[in-house]
């Protein structure tokens, strides 16, 4: 298997796990709200982090271990708040997806939330910078190919998730489906936050 294919396979396996970022992309896709912008932010952010990892940013974390702690606590705080907002939305339970609904909410707000869910999530750094950066060390002379493969996996996944979510639009025409989704999102946010706070 070539370095690029291995990068794609490893990158895809890491990103498939459900998390705050993926849940947000799914929600935006269901609402058909600024999908291109959200997908672009996620893919470009991942590309930047993968590039940093492959370029040796993992060494910086070893020299400045306090950065990992700050990122972990900040990410946990953000996930707790975001989970609370999702729970509040579930309890209200008034949202339904209209067939013609397009572009709901501000584009800048969607991009801001997406950036926060990406850059305040320590797991993103662990997966892209530390893990992929470490694995890339095995591909001496082929690190660029490995990085491009991992970046391609990110672009493929987020594009599929954002635009493929439209297939679920009929299901989410019912407020009860949104209520379940919001409850699941809140649970995922708090589980990740608990892991960040008590799993170290």
Protein backbone atom coordinates (compact mmCIF):
# COMPACT_ATOMS: atom_id res chain seq x y z
CA UNK A 1 0.00 0.00 0.00
CA UNK A 2 1.41 3.39 -0.98
CA UNK A 3 2.05 6.15 1.53
CA UNK A 4 -0.90 8.15 0.17
CA UNK A 5 -3.31 5.23 0.52
CA UNK A 6 -2.11 4.49 4.04
CA UNK A 7 -2.54 8.15 4.92
CA UNK A 8 -6.09 8.07 3.52
CA UNK A 9 -6.99 4.86 5.39
CA UNK A 10 -5.56 5.98 8.73
CA UNK A 11 -7.03 9.48 8.41
CA UNK A 12 -10.49 8.11 7.58
CA UNK A 13 -10.44 5.63 10.46
CA UNK A 14 -9.62 8.41 12.91
CA UNK A 15 -12.28 10.81 11.68
CA UNK A 16 -15.15 8.30 11.51
CA UNK A 17 -15.74 8.39 15.27
CA UNK A 18 -18.75 10.52 16.18
CA UNK A 19 -17.84 13.76 17.87
CA UNK A 20 -18.81 17.38 18.28
CA UNK A 21 -17.47 18.43 14.90
CA UNK A 22 -19.15 15.59 13.01
CA UNK A 23 -22.48 16.17 14.77
CA UNK A 24 -22.38 19.85 13.81
CA UNK A 25 -21.62 19.08 10.16
CA UNK A 26 -24.49 16.57 10.13
CA UNK A 27 -26.86 19.13 11.60
CA UNK A 28 -25.86 21.79 9.07
CA UNK A 29 -26.27 19.26 6.27
CA UNK A 30 -29.76 18.34 7.46
CA UNK A 31 -30.71 22.01 7.57
CA UNK A 32 -28.94 22.70 4.25
CA UNK A 33 -27.37 25.64 6.04
CA UNK A 34 -24.03 26.91 4.71
CA UNK A 35 -22.85 23.35 4.02
CA UNK A 36 -20.06 24.36 1.67
CA UNK A 37 -18.60 26.85 4.19
CA UNK A 38 -18.77 24.35 7.06
CA UNK A 39 -17.25 21.52 5.03
CA UNK A 40 -14.51 23.85 3.79
CA UNK A 41 -13.66 25.02 7.32
CA UNK A 42 -13.45 21.44 8.61
CA UNK A 43 -11.37 20.16 5.68
CA UNK A 44 -8.99 23.13 5.65
CA UNK A 45 -8.56 23.02 9.44
CA UNK A 46 -7.75 19.32 9.30
CA UNK A 47 -5.32 19.94 6.45
CA UNK A 48 -3.51 22.60 8.47
CA UNK A 49 -3.29 20.37 11.54
CA UNK A 50 -2.14 17.35 9.54
CA UNK A 51 0.52 19.48 7.87
CA UNK A 52 1.68 20.71 11.27
CA UNK A 53 1.86 17.16 12.61
CA UNK A 54 3.76 15.79 9.64
CA UNK A 55 6.12 18.78 9.78
CA UNK A 56 7.07 17.89 13.33
CA UNK A 57 4.66 19.87 15.54
CA UNK A 58 4.38 16.84 17.80
CA UNK A 59 7.82 17.76 19.13
CA UNK A 60 6.45 21.11 20.31
CA UNK A 61 3.89 19.35 22.50
CA UNK A 62 6.70 17.44 24.17
CA UNK A 63 8.59 20.67 24.84
CA UNK A 64 5.45 22.48 26.10
CA UNK A 65 3.30 19.90 27.92
CA UNK A 66 1.20 22.68 29.48
CA UNK A 67 -0.35 23.28 26.04
CA UNK A 68 -2.05 19.88 26.16
CA UNK A 69 -3.58 20.68 29.56
CA UNK A 70 -4.85 24.09 28.47
CA UNK A 71 -6.35 22.64 25.30
CA UNK A 72 -7.98 19.79 27.25
CA UNK A 73 -9.64 22.05 29.84
CA UNK A 74 -10.70 24.65 27.28
CA UNK A 75 -12.16 22.00 25.04
CA UNK A 76 -14.06 20.37 27.92
CA UNK A 77 -15.57 23.73 28.94
CA UNK A 78 -16.70 24.45 25.39
CA UNK A 79 -18.24 20.97 24.98
CA UNK A 80 -20.17 21.30 28.26
CA UNK A 81 -21.70 24.59 27.13
CA UNK A 82 -22.47 23.30 23.65
CA UNK A 83 -24.07 20.19 25.13
CA UNK A 84 -26.25 22.35 27.38
CA UNK A 85 -27.43 24.35 24.37
CA UNK A 86 -28.32 21.12 22.55
CA UNK A 87 -30.24 19.86 25.59
CA UNK A 88 -32.18 23.13 25.78
CA UNK A 89 -33.07 22.78 22.10
CA UNK A 90 -34.23 19.19 22.70
CA UNK A 91 -36.45 20.23 25.61
CA UNK A 92 -38.08 22.93 23.54
CA UNK A 93 -38.60 20.45 20.72
CA UNK A 94 -40.18 22.87 18.27
CA UNK A 95 -37.78 22.56 15.37
CA UNK A 96 -38.69 20.71 12.19
CA UNK A 97 -36.98 20.63 8.83
CA UNK A 98 -39.00 22.18 6.05
CA UNK A 99 -38.42 20.74 2.61
CA UNK A 100 -37.57 24.17 1.21
CA UNK A 101 -35.56 25.37 4.17
CA UNK A 102 -32.22 26.76 3.03
CA UNK A 103 -29.39 28.68 4.68
CA UNK A 104 -30.95 29.10 8.12
CA UNK A 105 -28.84 31.08 10.56
CA UNK A 106 -25.87 33.32 9.98
CA UNK A 107 -23.00 32.04 7.86
CA UNK A 108 -20.47 33.73 10.17
CA UNK A 109 -22.06 32.12 13.24
CA UNK A 110 -21.93 28.69 11.60
CA UNK A 111 -18.28 29.20 10.69
CA UNK A 112 -17.49 30.45 14.21
CA UNK A 113 -19.08 27.43 15.87
CA UNK A 114 -17.34 25.11 13.42
CA UNK A 115 -13.96 26.71 14.13
CA UNK A 116 -14.52 26.41 17.89
CA UNK A 117 -15.60 22.76 17.66
CA UNK A 118 -12.49 22.05 15.63
CA UNK A 119 -9.74 24.09 17.25
CA UNK A 120 -10.94 23.77 20.88
CA UNK A 121 -11.17 19.99 20.65
CA UNK A 122 -8.04 18.31 22.05
CA UNK A 123 -8.92 15.05 20.30
CA UNK A 124 -8.43 16.80 16.97
CA UNK A 125 -4.86 17.66 17.96
CA UNK A 126 -4.21 14.15 19.26
CA UNK A 127 -5.51 12.55 16.06
CA UNK A 128 -4.12 14.93 13.44
CA UNK A 129 -1.01 16.43 14.99
CA UNK A 130 0.29 13.80 17.39
CA UNK A 131 -0.88 10.48 15.95
CA UNK A 132 -0.68 11.23 12.23
CA UNK A 133 2.51 13.19 12.83
CA UNK A 134 4.07 10.22 14.58
CA UNK A 135 2.93 7.70 11.96
CA UNK A 136 4.30 9.90 9.17
CA UNK A 137 7.79 9.42 10.59
CA UNK A 138 7.72 5.91 9.09
CA UNK A 139 7.48 7.35 5.59
CA UNK A 140 10.86 8.95 5.17
CA UNK A 141 10.91 10.64 1.79
CA UNK A 142 7.15 10.07 1.36
CA UNK A 143 5.73 12.26 4.12
CA UNK A 144 4.12 14.63 1.64
CA UNK A 145 2.25 11.76 -0.02
CA UNK A 146 1.14 10.46 3.38
CA UNK A 147 -0.09 13.91 4.43
CA UNK A 148 -1.99 14.43 1.16
CA UNK A 149 -3.66 11.05 1.61
CA UNK A 150 -4.82 11.93 5.14
CA UNK A 151 -6.04 15.36 3.97
CA UNK A 152 -7.98 13.70 1.14
CA UNK A 153 -9.71 11.43 3.68
CA UNK A 154 -10.83 14.46 5.66
CA UNK A 155 -12.20 16.23 2.57
CA UNK A 156 -13.99 13.07 1.42
CA UNK A 157 -15.57 12.42 4.82
CA UNK A 158 -16.83 15.94 5.52
CA UNK A 159 -18.16 16.38 1.98
CA UNK A 160 -20.01 13.07 2.22
CA UNK A 161 -21.39 13.88 5.67
CA UNK A 162 -22.45 17.44 4.86
CA UNK A 163 -24.12 16.76 1.53
CA UNK A 164 -25.21 13.18 2.18
CA UNK A 165 -27.22 14.33 5.20
CA UNK A 166 -29.85 15.66 2.78
CA UNK A 167 -30.96 12.10 2.17
CA UNK A 168 -32.22 12.09 5.76
CA UNK A 169 -34.26 15.28 5.29
CA UNK A 170 -37.68 13.52 5.19
CA UNK A 171 -36.99 11.90 8.56
CA UNK A 172 -36.05 15.22 10.12
CA UNK A 173 -39.24 16.90 8.93
CA UNK A 174 -40.64 15.74 12.30
CA UNK A 175 -39.78 17.71 15.48
CA UNK A 176 -39.37 14.45 17.39
CA UNK A 177 -36.42 13.46 15.19
CA UNK A 178 -34.67 16.76 15.95
CA UNK A 179 -35.36 16.21 19.65
CA UNK A 180 -33.64 12.82 19.52
CA UNK A 181 -30.71 14.24 17.53
CA UNK A 182 -30.24 17.10 20.00
CA UNK A 183 -30.34 14.67 22.94
CA UNK A 184 -27.73 12.47 21.25
CA UNK A 185 -25.55 15.49 20.51
CA UNK A 186 -25.78 16.67 24.13
CA UNK A 187 -24.89 13.18 25.39
CA UNK A 188 -21.90 12.92 23.04
CA UNK A 189 -20.66 16.40 24.03
CA UNK A 190 -20.82 15.60 27.74
CA UNK A 191 -19.28 12.14 27.34
CA UNK A 192 -16.33 13.65 25.47
CA UNK A 193 -16.04 16.42 28.07
CA UNK A 194 -16.07 13.86 30.90
CA UNK A 195 -13.36 11.88 29.16
CA UNK A 196 -11.25 15.02 28.84
CA UNK A 197 -11.73 15.99 32.50
CA UNK A 198 -11.48 12.60 34.20
CA UNK A 199 -9.67 10.44 31.69
CA UNK A 200 -6.25 11.96 32.32
